[in-house]
Amino acid sequence: MANLKSEINILVELDDNRVPETLRWTARDGGVVNQESKAIMLSVWDSKAQESMRIDLWTKDMPVDEMKVFFHQTLVSMSDTFERATNDKQMSETMKDFCDYFAEKLEIKQK
């Protein structure tokens, strides 16, 4: 069996102060080519060091209200992923309760 590969690329265009001006990503297998984004959060697990490595980027024109929604949706997604990865429905529901609280405190309308 051949080793299949899939590639995801992130292009970050910086201003003179190295602040992101534009973020673009491509995942051809998912049908995404040079898609613009205002924020990206990427976590990678380092098994050897037993720690998470992160890249958090956002453009200087990312509106704060959109950042709040982005965080909320990311937290909800993480609770879903946590349940799929661990089969721990109880903790996933606890995480979703926090997501509801988070949205309420930030006065974000949930979809």
C-alpha atoms as a PDB file:
ATOM      1  CA  MET A   1       0.000   0.000   0.000  1.00  0.00           C
ATOM      2  CA  ALA A   2       1.334   3.428  -0.961  1.00  0.00           C
ATOM      3  CA  ASN A   3       1.867   6.104   1.678  1.00  0.00           C
ATOM      4  CA  LEU A   4      -0.781   8.727   1.105  1.00  0.00           C
ATOM      5  CA  LYS A   5       0.043  12.316   1.942  1.00  0.00           C
ATOM      6  CA  SER A   6      -1.991  15.441   2.343  1.00  0.00           C
ATOM      7  CA  GLU A   7      -0.564  18.913   2.689  1.00  0.00           C
ATOM      8  CA  ILE A   8      -1.920  22.006   4.429  1.00  0.00           C
ATOM      9  CA  ASN A   9      -0.164  25.316   3.782  1.00  0.00           C
ATOM     10  CA  ILE A  10      -0.455  28.598   5.650  1.00  0.00           C
ATOM     11  CA  LEU A  11       0.873  31.789   4.090  1.00  0.00           C
ATOM     12  CA  VAL A  12       1.446  34.747   6.410  1.00  0.00           C
ATOM     13  CA  GLU A  13       2.127  38.166   4.906  1.00  0.00           C
ATOM     14  CA  LEU A  14       3.732  40.531   7.420  1.00  0.00           C
ATOM     15  CA  ASP A  15       4.062  44.282   7.647  1.00  0.00           C
ATOM     16  CA  ASP A  16       7.407  45.977   8.378  1.00  0.00           C
ATOM     17  CA  ASN A  17       6.924  45.292  12.114  1.00  0.00           C
ATOM     18  CA  ARG A  18       6.301  41.577  11.428  1.00  0.00           C
ATOM     19  CA  VAL A  19       2.606  41.877  12.295  1.00  0.00           C
ATOM     20  CA  PRO A  20       0.349  39.682  10.131  1.00  0.00           C
ATOM     21  CA  GLU A  21      -1.469  41.659   7.449  1.00  0.00           C
ATOM     22  CA  THR A  22      -2.906  38.730   5.532  1.00  0.00           C
ATOM     23  CA  LEU A  23      -3.379  35.069   6.295  1.00  0.00           C
ATOM     24  CA  ARG A  24      -4.133  32.548   3.562  1.00  0.00           C
ATOM     25  CA  TRP A  25      -4.420  28.791   3.747  1.00  0.00           C
ATOM     26  CA  THR A  26      -4.615  25.945   1.278  1.00  0.00           C
ATOM     27  CA  ALA A  27      -5.818  22.365   1.836  1.00  0.00           C
ATOM     28  CA  ARG A  28      -6.332  20.999  -1.667  1.00  0.00           C
ATOM     29  CA  ASP A  29      -7.766  17.685  -0.441  1.00  0.00           C
ATOM     30  CA  GLY A  30     -10.493  19.689   1.308  1.00  0.00           C
ATOM     31  CA  GLY A  31     -11.123  21.910  -1.701  1.00  0.00           C
ATOM     32  CA  VAL A  32      -9.555  24.977  -0.095  1.00  0.00           C
ATOM     33  CA  VAL A  33      -7.136  26.985  -2.223  1.00  0.00           C
ATOM     34  CA  ASN A  34      -5.592  30.257  -1.076  1.00  0.00           C
ATOM     35  CA  GLN A  35      -8.532  31.018   1.251  1.00  0.00           C
ATOM     36  CA  GLU A  36      -8.147  34.264   3.182  1.00  0.00           C
ATOM     37  CA  SER A  37      -8.576  34.204   6.946  1.00  0.00           C
ATOM     38  CA  LYS A  38      -8.356  36.815   9.694  1.00  0.00           C
ATOM     39  CA  ALA A  39      -7.184  34.410  12.434  1.00  0.00           C
ATOM     40  CA  ILE A  40      -5.574  30.991  12.776  1.00  0.00           C
ATOM     41  CA  MET A  41      -5.009  28.849  15.860  1.00  0.00           C
ATOM     42  CA  LEU A  42      -2.913  25.731  15.410  1.00  0.00           C
ATOM     43  CA  SER A  43      -1.998  23.262  18.144  1.00  0.00           C
ATOM     44  CA  VAL A  44       0.479  20.450  17.649  1.00  0.00           C
ATOM     45  CA  TRP A  45       1.157  17.723  20.235  1.00  0.00           C
ATOM     46  CA  ASP A  46       4.807  17.020  21.011  1.00  0.00           C
ATOM     47  CA  SER A  47       4.628  13.470  22.362  1.00  0.00           C
ATOM     48  CA  LYS A  48       8.274  13.404  23.410  1.00  0.00           C
ATOM     49  CA  ALA A  49       8.025  16.577  25.517  1.00  0.00           C
ATOM     50  CA  GLN A  50       4.401  15.800  26.469  1.00  0.00           C
ATOM     51  CA  GLU A  51       3.304  19.320  25.660  1.00  0.00           C
ATOM     52  CA  SER A  52       1.264  21.278  23.205  1.00  0.00           C
ATOM     53  CA  MET A  53       2.972  23.662  20.826  1.00  0.00           C
ATOM     54  CA  ARG A  54       0.858  26.476  19.455  1.00  0.00           C
ATOM     55  CA  ILE A  55       0.732  29.051  16.746  1.00  0.00           C
ATOM     56  CA  ASP A  56      -1.870  31.779  17.244  1.00  0.00           C
ATOM     57  CA  LEU A  57      -2.026  34.435  14.552  1.00  0.00           C
ATOM     58  CA  TRP A  58      -4.502  37.126  13.659  1.00  0.00           C
ATOM     59  CA  THR A  59      -4.360  40.039  11.285  1.00  0.00           C
ATOM     60  CA  LYS A  60      -4.186  43.560  12.592  1.00  0.00           C
ATOM     61  CA  ASP A  61      -7.602  44.279  11.096  1.00  0.00           C
ATOM     62  CA  MET A  62      -9.339  41.332  12.839  1.00  0.00           C
ATOM     63  CA  PRO A  63     -12.341  42.916  14.598  1.00  0.00           C
ATOM     64  CA  VAL A  64     -12.559  42.205  18.337  1.00  0.00           C
ATOM     65  CA  ASP A  65     -16.217  41.159  18.076  1.00  0.00           C
ATOM     66  CA  GLU A  66     -15.277  38.567  15.433  1.00  0.00           C
ATOM     67  CA  MET A  67     -12.368  37.370  17.603  1.00  0.00           C
ATOM     68  CA  LYS A  68     -14.807  36.704  20.451  1.00  0.00           C
ATOM     69  CA  VAL A  69     -17.040  34.640  18.153  1.00  0.00           C
ATOM     70  CA  PHE A  70     -13.983  32.847  16.749  1.00  0.00           C
ATOM     71  CA  PHE A  71     -12.875  31.871  20.257  1.00  0.00           C
ATOM     72  CA  HIS A  72     -16.365  30.709  21.192  1.00  0.00           C
ATOM     73  CA  GLN A  73     -16.744  28.565  18.086  1.00  0.00           C
ATOM     74  CA  THR A  74     -13.248  27.126  18.615  1.00  0.00           C
ATOM     75  CA  LEU A  75     -14.078  26.182  22.206  1.00  0.00           C
ATOM     76  CA  VAL A  76     -17.320  24.481  21.108  1.00  0.00           C
ATOM     77  CA  SER A  77     -15.429  22.621  18.394  1.00  0.00           C
ATOM     78  CA  MET A  78     -12.775  21.542  20.908  1.00  0.00           C
ATOM     79  CA  SER A  79     -15.441  20.083  23.205  1.00  0.00           C
ATOM     80  CA  ASP A  80     -16.843  18.067  20.271  1.00  0.00           C
ATOM     81  CA  THR A  81     -13.355  16.894  19.311  1.00  0.00           C
ATOM     82  CA  PHE A  82     -12.602  16.018  22.936  1.00  0.00           C
ATOM     83  CA  GLU A  83     -15.652  13.752  23.055  1.00  0.00           C
ATOM     84  CA  ARG A  84     -14.756  12.026  19.760  1.00  0.00           C
ATOM     85  CA  ALA A  85     -11.141  11.552  20.863  1.00  0.00           C
ATOM     86  CA  THR A  86     -11.783  10.353  24.425  1.00  0.00           C
ATOM     87  CA  ASN A  87     -15.398   9.142  24.403  1.00  0.00           C
ATOM     88  CA  ASP A  88     -15.841  11.191  27.611  1.00  0.00           C
ATOM     89  CA  LYS A  89     -19.341  12.573  27.085  1.00  0.00           C
ATOM     90  CA  GLN A  90     -19.661  13.909  30.640  1.00  0.00           C
ATOM     91  CA  MET A  91     -16.565  16.121  30.396  1.00  0.00           C
ATOM     92  CA  SER A  92     -17.555  17.220  26.904  1.00  0.00           C
ATOM     93  CA  GLU A  93     -20.924  18.373  28.265  1.00  0.00           C
ATOM     94  CA  THR A  94     -19.123  20.225  31.079  1.00  0.00           C
ATOM     95  CA  MET A  95     -16.966  21.961  28.487  1.00  0.00           C
ATOM     96  CA  LYS A  96     -20.081  22.916  26.507  1.00  0.00           C
ATOM     97  CA  ASP A  97     -21.630  24.361  29.673  1.00  0.00           C
ATOM     98  CA  PHE A  98     -18.567  26.595  29.938  1.00  0.00           C
ATOM     99  CA  CYS A  99     -18.980  27.546  26.260  1.00  0.00           C
ATOM    100  CA  ASP A 100     -22.554  28.618  26.988  1.00  0.00           C
ATOM    101  CA  TYR A 101     -21.329  30.667  29.965  1.00  0.00           C
ATOM    102  CA  PHE A 102     -18.551  32.180  27.824  1.00  0.00           C
ATOM    103  CA  ALA A 103     -21.040  33.226  25.133  1.00  0.00           C
ATOM    104  CA  GLU A 104     -23.433  34.635  27.707  1.00  0.00           C
ATOM    105  CA  LYS A 105     -20.747  36.734  29.415  1.00  0.00           C
ATOM    106  CA  LEU A 106     -19.478  38.052  26.063  1.00  0.00           C
ATOM    107  CA  GLU A 107     -23.060  38.635  24.916  1.00  0.00           C
ATOM    108  CA  ILE A 108     -22.478  36.563  21.791  1.00  0.00           C
ATOM    109  CA  LYS A 109     -25.539  35.255  19.999  1.00  0.00           C
ATOM    110  CA  GLN A 110     -25.164  31.519  19.553  1.00  0.00           C
ATOM    111  CA  LYS A 111     -26.119  29.827  16.324  1.00  0.00           C
END
